[in-house]
């Protein structure tokens, strides 16, 4: 046995993906995603431990709360199996801008997980100059376009404190604590825009924490993307880039 599949068999409340979403896990790689972040990391670790022991079936129910470092407020049941399941493919979104903009808008991406990679695939190179930040170099793909600069930073909020004004930011790290720290830091940097991945529950809690810290959370857009398109990384990326292009192109026209 060389692979296991993990499926969200049920989801209640606020969850990153819907029931029926699955991913394939091997000892060295993965295909698809059940939502990223701490939930997915834990599922990968569980599946790889099962592979080592030769186990083929397992079911567990997990609250998306403090124990996972998340505040989505939902509950998911994961089913592990050696029976193949359909996983998400990589559906790149291509945009053609005619005429192309005279200058690229600066876009900083915080997080190199599934959504970060989908954003890079979807963002038209002629529209954005991308600075892509994560905690370790090995989290980035081996190849990126010339318009993308990858930057490993063990302390991402510390780097955010040096962000130039007028930059667009999108936040989707593996940690809600890091997400919150980035929001707090970037609100002080006169950003062009700040987008945060998350549920309504996550944003409600973040908003309260930011206000308690004396910050105005209104410049932050959360959740990002277009809910009508779906929850997969490529669907989130499509809606997010469409909104950013509308904002940047409208500004350029003005």
Protein backbone atom coordinates (compact mmCIF):
# COMPACT_ATOMS: atom_id res chain seq x y z
CA UNK A 1 0.00 0.00 0.00
CA UNK A 2 1.56 3.28 -1.15
CA UNK A 3 -1.26 5.80 -0.67
CA UNK A 4 -4.27 6.64 1.42
CA UNK A 5 -7.19 8.94 0.69
CA UNK A 6 -8.74 11.17 3.35
CA UNK A 7 -12.25 12.48 2.77
CA UNK A 8 -14.41 14.97 4.62
CA UNK A 9 -17.36 12.65 5.12
CA UNK A 10 -19.40 15.25 6.98
CA UNK A 11 -19.06 18.93 7.87
CA UNK A 12 -21.16 20.89 10.33
CA UNK A 13 -20.99 24.61 10.93
CA UNK A 14 -18.17 26.63 9.42
CA UNK A 15 -15.63 24.36 7.67
CA UNK A 16 -12.93 25.04 5.06
CA UNK A 17 -14.30 22.49 2.55
CA UNK A 18 -17.59 20.68 2.04
CA UNK A 19 -18.44 17.02 2.63
CA UNK A 20 -17.16 14.83 -0.19
CA UNK A 21 -13.87 16.71 -0.60
CA UNK A 22 -10.89 14.34 -0.63
CA UNK A 23 -7.11 14.31 -0.99
CA UNK A 24 -4.54 11.61 -1.74
CA UNK A 25 -1.58 11.19 0.61
CA UNK A 26 1.65 9.27 0.12
CA UNK A 27 4.83 9.11 2.16
CA UNK A 28 6.36 11.95 0.14
CA UNK A 29 3.54 13.93 -1.41
CA UNK A 30 -0.12 14.88 -1.60
CA UNK A 31 -2.73 15.57 -4.27
CA UNK A 32 -5.77 17.75 -3.69
CA UNK A 33 -6.69 19.50 -0.45
CA UNK A 34 -9.26 19.28 2.33
CA UNK A 35 -8.78 22.93 3.23
CA UNK A 36 -5.16 23.42 4.23
CA UNK A 37 -3.93 24.72 7.56
CA UNK A 38 -3.68 22.76 10.79
CA UNK A 39 -6.52 20.37 9.90
CA UNK A 40 -4.79 19.25 6.72
CA UNK A 41 -1.36 18.99 8.38
CA UNK A 42 -2.84 16.76 11.05
CA UNK A 43 -4.62 14.62 8.46
CA UNK A 44 -1.40 14.18 6.48
CA UNK A 45 0.49 13.15 9.63
CA UNK A 46 -2.25 10.67 10.57
CA UNK A 47 -2.34 9.16 7.08
CA UNK A 48 1.44 8.75 6.94
CA UNK A 49 1.46 7.11 10.36
CA UNK A 50 -1.21 4.72 9.07
CA UNK A 51 0.87 3.97 5.97
CA UNK A 52 3.85 3.04 8.14
CA UNK A 53 1.69 0.69 10.21
CA UNK A 54 -0.13 -0.79 7.22
CA UNK A 55 -3.53 0.47 8.41
CA UNK A 56 -6.19 1.07 5.75
CA UNK A 57 -9.33 2.47 7.45
CA UNK A 58 -9.91 5.10 10.11
CA UNK A 59 -12.62 7.65 10.99
CA UNK A 60 -12.29 10.64 13.32
CA UNK A 61 -14.42 13.66 14.17
CA UNK A 62 -12.64 16.92 14.91
CA UNK A 63 -13.84 20.32 16.16
CA UNK A 64 -12.17 23.21 14.35
CA UNK A 65 -11.30 24.99 17.55
CA UNK A 66 -8.38 25.86 19.83
CA UNK A 67 -6.94 22.33 19.81
CA UNK A 68 -6.18 22.78 16.11
CA UNK A 69 -5.27 26.45 16.42
CA UNK A 70 -8.32 27.36 14.35
CA UNK A 71 -11.45 29.35 15.09
CA UNK A 72 -13.76 28.33 12.27
CA UNK A 73 -16.28 26.99 14.77
CA UNK A 74 -17.29 23.95 12.73
CA UNK A 75 -16.89 20.20 13.13
CA UNK A 76 -15.65 17.80 10.44
CA UNK A 77 -15.50 14.03 10.22
CA UNK A 78 -12.55 12.60 8.31
CA UNK A 79 -12.55 9.16 6.72
CA UNK A 80 -9.24 7.55 5.80
CA UNK A 81 -9.27 4.73 3.26
CA UNK A 82 -7.08 2.86 0.79
CA UNK A 83 -9.93 2.94 -1.76
CA UNK A 84 -9.24 5.59 -4.45
CA UNK A 85 -11.36 8.73 -4.27
CA UNK A 86 -11.66 11.67 -6.65
CA UNK A 87 -9.45 14.61 -5.67
CA UNK A 88 -9.28 18.19 -6.91
CA UNK A 89 -7.21 18.75 -10.00
CA UNK A 90 -5.12 21.86 -10.69
CA UNK A 91 -7.25 24.10 -12.86
CA UNK A 92 -5.23 27.18 -13.67
CA UNK A 93 -7.17 30.34 -14.51
CA UNK A 94 -5.79 32.51 -17.28
CA UNK A 95 -6.62 36.18 -17.76
CA UNK A 96 -5.97 38.30 -20.80
CA UNK A 97 -5.71 42.03 -20.25
CA UNK A 98 -6.09 44.06 -23.39
CA UNK A 99 -4.49 46.50 -23.36
CA UNK A 100 -2.01 45.39 -20.69
CA UNK A 101 -1.43 47.82 -17.79
CA UNK A 102 1.53 50.17 -18.00
CA UNK A 103 2.82 49.05 -14.59
CA UNK A 104 2.33 46.02 -12.42
CA UNK A 105 0.55 46.42 -9.09
CA UNK A 106 2.60 45.22 -6.08
CA UNK A 107 0.97 42.15 -4.51
CA UNK A 108 2.33 40.43 -1.41
CA UNK A 109 1.12 36.90 -0.72
CA UNK A 110 1.41 35.55 2.81
CA UNK A 111 1.39 31.75 2.67
CA UNK A 112 2.55 29.17 0.11
CA UNK A 113 -0.13 26.55 0.66
CA UNK A 114 -2.82 25.46 -1.80
CA UNK A 115 -4.56 28.84 -2.03
CA UNK A 116 -1.30 30.75 -2.35
CA UNK A 117 -0.25 28.52 -5.24
CA UNK A 118 -3.66 28.89 -6.87
CA UNK A 119 -3.40 32.69 -6.62
CA UNK A 120 0.01 32.62 -8.32
CA UNK A 121 -1.42 30.44 -11.11
CA UNK A 122 -4.40 32.74 -11.57
CA UNK A 123 -2.68 36.14 -11.32
CA UNK A 124 -1.82 37.54 -14.78
CA UNK A 125 1.94 38.27 -14.93
CA UNK A 126 1.34 41.54 -16.78
CA UNK A 127 -0.88 42.84 -13.94
CA UNK A 128 0.97 42.00 -10.73
CA UNK A 129 4.51 42.04 -9.32
CA UNK A 130 4.29 39.35 -6.65
CA UNK A 131 6.29 39.06 -3.44
CA UNK A 132 5.50 35.59 -2.03
CA UNK A 133 6.31 34.99 1.64
CA UNK A 134 6.23 31.87 3.79
CA UNK A 135 8.10 30.48 6.76
CA UNK A 136 10.37 28.09 4.84
CA UNK A 137 11.88 27.90 1.36
CA UNK A 138 10.74 24.30 0.83
CA UNK A 139 7.08 25.40 0.98
CA UNK A 140 7.40 27.15 -2.39
CA UNK A 141 7.18 25.34 -5.75
CA UNK A 142 10.48 24.83 -7.52
CA UNK A 143 9.58 27.12 -10.40
CA UNK A 144 7.74 30.42 -10.51
CA UNK A 145 7.34 33.14 -13.11
CA UNK A 146 9.72 36.05 -13.46
CA UNK A 147 7.08 38.31 -11.90
CA UNK A 148 7.23 36.29 -8.65
CA UNK A 149 9.88 36.65 -5.91
CA UNK A 150 9.82 34.04 -3.15
CA UNK A 151 10.93 35.10 0.32
CA UNK A 152 11.31 32.69 3.26
CA UNK A 153 10.75 34.46 6.60
CA UNK A 154 10.65 32.61 9.89
CA UNK A 155 8.87 35.60 11.46
CA UNK A 156 6.35 36.79 8.88
CA UNK A 157 4.71 39.52 11.01
CA UNK A 158 8.15 41.04 11.62
CA UNK A 159 8.71 41.25 7.87
CA UNK A 160 5.21 42.72 7.42
CA UNK A 161 6.22 45.60 9.68
CA UNK A 162 8.58 46.72 6.90
CA UNK A 163 6.05 46.47 4.04
CA UNK A 164 5.95 49.56 1.85
CA UNK A 165 2.73 51.62 1.73
CA UNK A 166 0.42 51.10 -1.25
CA UNK A 167 0.89 47.32 -1.51
CA UNK A 168 -1.96 44.82 -1.94
CA UNK A 169 -1.80 41.95 0.57
CA UNK A 170 -3.47 38.53 0.64
CA UNK A 171 -3.18 36.43 3.81
CA UNK A 172 -3.60 32.64 3.90
CA UNK A 173 -0.94 31.13 6.16
CA UNK A 174 -1.15 27.77 7.91
CA UNK A 175 -1.76 29.43 11.30
CA UNK A 176 -4.65 31.57 12.54
CA UNK A 177 -2.28 33.18 15.06
CA UNK A 178 0.05 34.26 12.25
CA UNK A 179 -2.92 35.45 10.19
CA UNK A 180 -4.09 37.65 13.07
CA UNK A 181 -0.62 39.05 13.70
CA UNK A 182 -0.26 39.89 10.00
CA UNK A 183 -3.63 41.65 9.97
CA UNK A 184 -2.67 43.74 12.99
CA UNK A 185 0.71 44.66 11.51
CA UNK A 186 -0.51 45.45 7.98
CA UNK A 187 -3.30 47.69 9.24
CA UNK A 188 -0.52 50.04 10.33
CA UNK A 189 1.25 50.01 6.95
CA UNK A 190 -1.20 52.03 4.80
CA UNK A 191 -1.79 49.06 2.50
CA UNK A 192 -3.65 49.43 -0.80
CA UNK A 193 -5.82 46.48 0.25
CA UNK A 194 -5.75 43.56 2.68
CA UNK A 195 -7.52 40.27 1.95
CA UNK A 196 -7.84 37.44 4.48
CA UNK A 197 -8.99 33.89 3.85
CA UNK A 198 -11.48 32.65 6.39
CA UNK A 199 -15.03 31.98 7.44
CA UNK A 200 -17.54 34.42 8.89
CA UNK A 201 -16.78 32.95 12.33
CA UNK A 202 -13.04 33.47 11.94
CA UNK A 203 -13.53 37.04 10.79
CA UNK A 204 -15.92 37.82 13.65
CA UNK A 205 -13.31 36.73 16.18
CA UNK A 206 -10.46 38.48 14.37
CA UNK A 207 -12.49 41.67 14.08
CA UNK A 208 -13.17 41.67 17.82
CA UNK A 209 -9.50 41.07 18.65
CA UNK A 210 -8.34 43.85 16.32
CA UNK A 211 -10.80 46.36 17.77
CA UNK A 212 -9.67 45.40 21.29
CA UNK A 213 -6.12 46.20 20.16
CA UNK A 214 -7.23 49.68 19.12
CA UNK A 215 -7.18 48.97 15.37
CA UNK A 216 -9.79 49.67 12.70
CA UNK A 217 -10.49 46.37 10.88
CA UNK A 218 -12.57 47.90 8.08
CA UNK A 219 -9.76 47.90 5.46
CA UNK A 220 -9.64 44.07 5.64
CA UNK A 221 -11.76 41.98 3.27
CA UNK A 222 -12.70 38.61 4.75
CA UNK A 223 -13.54 36.15 3.40
CA UNK A 224 -11.80 36.59 0.05
CA UNK A 225 -13.04 35.16 -3.22
CA UNK A 226 -16.55 34.74 -4.57
CA UNK A 227 -18.69 32.39 -2.48
CA UNK A 228 -20.82 31.48 -5.49
CA UNK A 229 -17.80 29.95 -7.27
CA UNK A 230 -17.05 27.40 -4.52
CA UNK A 231 -14.42 26.63 -1.89
CA UNK A 232 -11.65 24.92 -3.85
CA UNK A 233 -8.30 26.79 -4.04
CA UNK A 234 -8.71 27.56 -7.73
CA UNK A 235 -12.27 28.80 -7.22
CA UNK A 236 -11.15 31.04 -4.35
CA UNK A 237 -8.26 32.30 -6.49
CA UNK A 238 -10.51 33.09 -9.45
CA UNK A 239 -12.84 35.25 -7.36
CA UNK A 240 -9.99 36.92 -5.50
CA UNK A 241 -8.01 37.86 -8.60
CA UNK A 242 -11.17 39.10 -10.35
CA UNK A 243 -11.81 41.46 -7.42
CA UNK A 244 -8.20 42.64 -7.36
CA UNK A 245 -8.14 43.25 -11.10
CA UNK A 246 -11.33 45.29 -10.83
CA UNK A 247 -9.75 47.37 -8.08
CA UNK A 248 -6.36 47.89 -9.76
CA UNK A 249 -7.74 48.47 -13.26
CA UNK A 250 -10.32 50.96 -11.98
CA UNK A 251 -7.55 52.88 -10.20
CA UNK A 252 -5.37 52.84 -13.32
CA UNK A 253 -8.23 54.15 -15.43
CA UNK A 254 -8.96 56.92 -12.94
